[in-house]
Amino acid sequence: MREEYGFVPDDTFREGRAAVLRQLLELPALFRTPHGRAQWEARARQNLTAELDLLTV
């Protein structure tokens, strides 16, 4: 993701990416199907939280 936005200054990228991650984490579900929620929801939320933690340290 960062490579695609290489033209954006680091601080600006971190702030914007963190905002996107927070918005995703606020959703009631990341996946639309029951299968997706059951199989991937918990791990996806862990991944988003871990990335957010790295960006805001």
N, C-alpha and C. Protein backbone atom coordinates (compact mmCIF):
# COMPACT_ATOMS: atom_id res chain seq x y z
N MET A 1 0.82 -1.18 0.00
CA MET A 1 0.00 0.00 0.00
C MET A 1 0.88 1.25 0.00
N ARG A 2 1.89 1.25 0.83
CA ARG A 2 2.71 2.46 0.93
C ARG A 2 3.38 2.78 -0.39
N GLU A 3 3.81 1.77 -1.11
CA GLU A 3 4.49 2.00 -2.39
C GLU A 3 3.59 2.73 -3.37
N GLU A 4 2.31 2.40 -3.39
CA GLU A 4 1.37 3.06 -4.29
C GLU A 4 1.24 4.55 -3.99
N TYR A 5 1.44 4.91 -2.74
CA TYR A 5 1.31 6.30 -2.32
C TYR A 5 2.66 6.89 -1.94
N GLY A 6 3.68 6.47 -2.64
CA GLY A 6 5.04 6.94 -2.38
C GLY A 6 5.21 8.44 -2.50
N PHE A 7 4.35 9.08 -3.25
CA PHE A 7 4.44 10.53 -3.46
C PHE A 7 3.88 11.31 -2.26
N VAL A 8 3.20 10.62 -1.35
CA VAL A 8 2.61 11.27 -0.18
C VAL A 8 3.64 11.28 0.95
N PRO A 9 3.84 12.42 1.60
CA PRO A 9 4.78 12.47 2.73
C PRO A 9 4.40 11.45 3.82
N ASP A 10 5.41 10.92 4.51
CA ASP A 10 5.18 9.86 5.49
C ASP A 10 4.15 10.23 6.55
N ASP A 11 4.25 11.39 7.14
CA ASP A 11 3.31 11.78 8.19
C ASP A 11 1.87 11.83 7.67
N THR A 12 1.71 12.38 6.49
CA THR A 12 0.39 12.48 5.88
C THR A 12 -0.16 11.10 5.56
N PHE A 13 0.69 10.23 5.04
CA PHE A 13 0.25 8.87 4.73
C PHE A 13 -0.19 8.16 6.00
N ARG A 14 0.62 8.23 7.05
CA ARG A 14 0.28 7.55 8.30
C ARG A 14 -1.06 8.03 8.85
N GLU A 15 -1.27 9.33 8.83
CA GLU A 15 -2.54 9.88 9.33
C GLU A 15 -3.72 9.40 8.49
N GLY A 16 -3.57 9.45 7.19
CA GLY A 16 -4.65 9.02 6.30
C GLY A 16 -4.93 7.53 6.39
N ARG A 17 -3.88 6.74 6.42
CA ARG A 17 -4.04 5.29 6.52
C ARG A 17 -4.67 4.91 7.86
N ALA A 18 -4.23 5.55 8.92
CA ALA A 18 -4.81 5.28 10.24
C ALA A 18 -6.30 5.62 10.25
N ALA A 19 -6.68 6.70 9.60
CA ALA A 19 -8.10 7.08 9.54
C ALA A 19 -8.91 6.02 8.81
N VAL A 20 -8.38 5.50 7.71
CA VAL A 20 -9.07 4.45 6.96
C VAL A 20 -9.21 3.20 7.82
N LEU A 21 -8.16 2.82 8.51
CA LEU A 21 -8.20 1.63 9.35
C LEU A 21 -9.22 1.80 10.47
N ARG A 22 -9.27 2.97 11.08
CA ARG A 22 -10.27 3.22 12.14
C ARG A 22 -11.68 3.10 11.59
N GLN A 23 -11.91 3.63 10.39
CA GLN A 23 -13.24 3.53 9.77
C GLN A 23 -13.62 2.07 9.54
N LEU A 24 -12.67 1.28 9.06
CA LEU A 24 -12.94 -0.14 8.83
C LEU A 24 -13.26 -0.85 10.14
N LEU A 25 -12.49 -0.55 11.18
CA LEU A 25 -12.70 -1.21 12.47
C LEU A 25 -14.03 -0.81 13.11
N GLU A 26 -14.57 0.34 12.75
CA GLU A 26 -15.86 0.78 13.28
C GLU A 26 -17.04 0.09 12.60
N LEU A 27 -16.81 -0.53 11.46
CA LEU A 27 -17.90 -1.23 10.77
C LEU A 27 -18.39 -2.40 11.62
N PRO A 28 -19.68 -2.70 11.55
CA PRO A 28 -20.18 -3.85 12.30
C PRO A 28 -19.63 -5.18 11.77
N ALA A 29 -19.31 -5.22 10.50
CA ALA A 29 -18.73 -6.42 9.89
C ALA A 29 -17.86 -6.01 8.71
N LEU A 30 -16.76 -6.70 8.53
CA LEU A 30 -15.87 -6.44 7.40
C LEU A 30 -16.27 -7.27 6.18
N PHE A 31 -16.95 -8.37 6.41
CA PHE A 31 -17.34 -9.28 5.34
C PHE A 31 -18.85 -9.34 5.25
N ARG A 32 -19.37 -9.45 4.05
CA ARG A 32 -20.81 -9.44 3.83
C ARG A 32 -21.46 -10.80 4.04
N THR A 33 -20.73 -11.84 3.81
CA THR A 33 -21.34 -13.17 3.90
C THR A 33 -21.10 -13.79 5.27
N PRO A 34 -22.00 -14.65 5.71
CA PRO A 34 -21.78 -15.35 6.97
C PRO A 34 -20.49 -16.17 6.95
N HIS A 35 -20.19 -16.77 5.82
CA HIS A 35 -18.96 -17.55 5.70
C HIS A 35 -17.74 -16.66 5.89
N GLY A 36 -17.71 -15.52 5.23
CA GLY A 36 -16.58 -14.60 5.37
C GLY A 36 -16.42 -14.12 6.80
N ARG A 37 -17.53 -13.78 7.41
CA ARG A 37 -17.45 -13.34 8.81
C ARG A 37 -16.94 -14.45 9.71
N ALA A 38 -17.44 -15.64 9.52
CA ALA A 38 -17.02 -16.76 10.37
C ALA A 38 -15.57 -17.14 10.15
N GLN A 39 -15.11 -17.11 8.90
CA GLN A 39 -13.78 -17.58 8.56
C GLN A 39 -12.68 -16.54 8.74
N TRP A 40 -12.98 -15.28 8.45
CA TRP A 40 -11.91 -14.29 8.34
C TRP A 40 -12.06 -13.04 9.21
N GLU A 41 -13.25 -12.80 9.76
CA GLU A 41 -13.50 -11.55 10.47
C GLU A 41 -12.52 -11.30 11.62
N ALA A 42 -12.38 -12.26 12.50
CA ALA A 42 -11.52 -12.06 13.68
C ALA A 42 -10.08 -11.77 13.28
N ARG A 43 -9.56 -12.55 12.35
CA ARG A 43 -8.16 -12.37 11.93
C ARG A 43 -7.99 -11.05 11.19
N ALA A 44 -8.95 -10.68 10.36
CA ALA A 44 -8.87 -9.41 9.64
C ALA A 44 -8.84 -8.24 10.62
N ARG A 45 -9.66 -8.30 11.65
CA ARG A 45 -9.67 -7.24 12.65
C ARG A 45 -8.35 -7.19 13.41
N GLN A 46 -7.78 -8.34 13.71
CA GLN A 46 -6.46 -8.38 14.35
C GLN A 46 -5.41 -7.71 13.46
N ASN A 47 -5.45 -8.02 12.17
CA ASN A 47 -4.49 -7.43 11.23
C ASN A 47 -4.64 -5.92 11.14
N LEU A 48 -5.88 -5.45 11.05
CA LEU A 48 -6.12 -4.01 10.98
C LEU A 48 -5.65 -3.31 12.25
N THR A 49 -5.94 -3.92 13.38
CA THR A 49 -5.52 -3.34 14.67
C THR A 49 -4.00 -3.30 14.78
N ALA A 50 -3.34 -4.37 14.35
CA ALA A 50 -1.87 -4.41 14.40
C ALA A 50 -1.27 -3.34 13.50
N GLU A 51 -1.81 -3.16 12.31
CA GLU A 51 -1.29 -2.12 11.42
C GLU A 51 -1.54 -0.74 12.01
N LEU A 52 -2.72 -0.54 12.58
CA LEU A 52 -3.03 0.75 13.20
C LEU A 52 -2.06 1.03 14.35
N ASP A 53 -1.76 0.04 15.13
CA ASP A 53 -0.80 0.20 16.23
C ASP A 53 0.56 0.63 15.69
N LEU A 54 1.01 0.03 14.62
CA LEU A 54 2.31 0.38 14.03
C LEU A 54 2.32 1.81 13.50
N LEU A 55 1.22 2.23 12.96
CA LEU A 55 1.14 3.57 12.38
C LEU A 55 1.07 4.67 13.43
N THR A 56 0.57 4.35 14.60
CA THR A 56 0.32 5.38 15.59
C THR A 56 1.30 5.33 16.76
N VAL A 57 2.36 4.55 16.63
CA VAL A 57 3.36 4.47 17.70
C VAL A 57 4.23 5.70 17.68
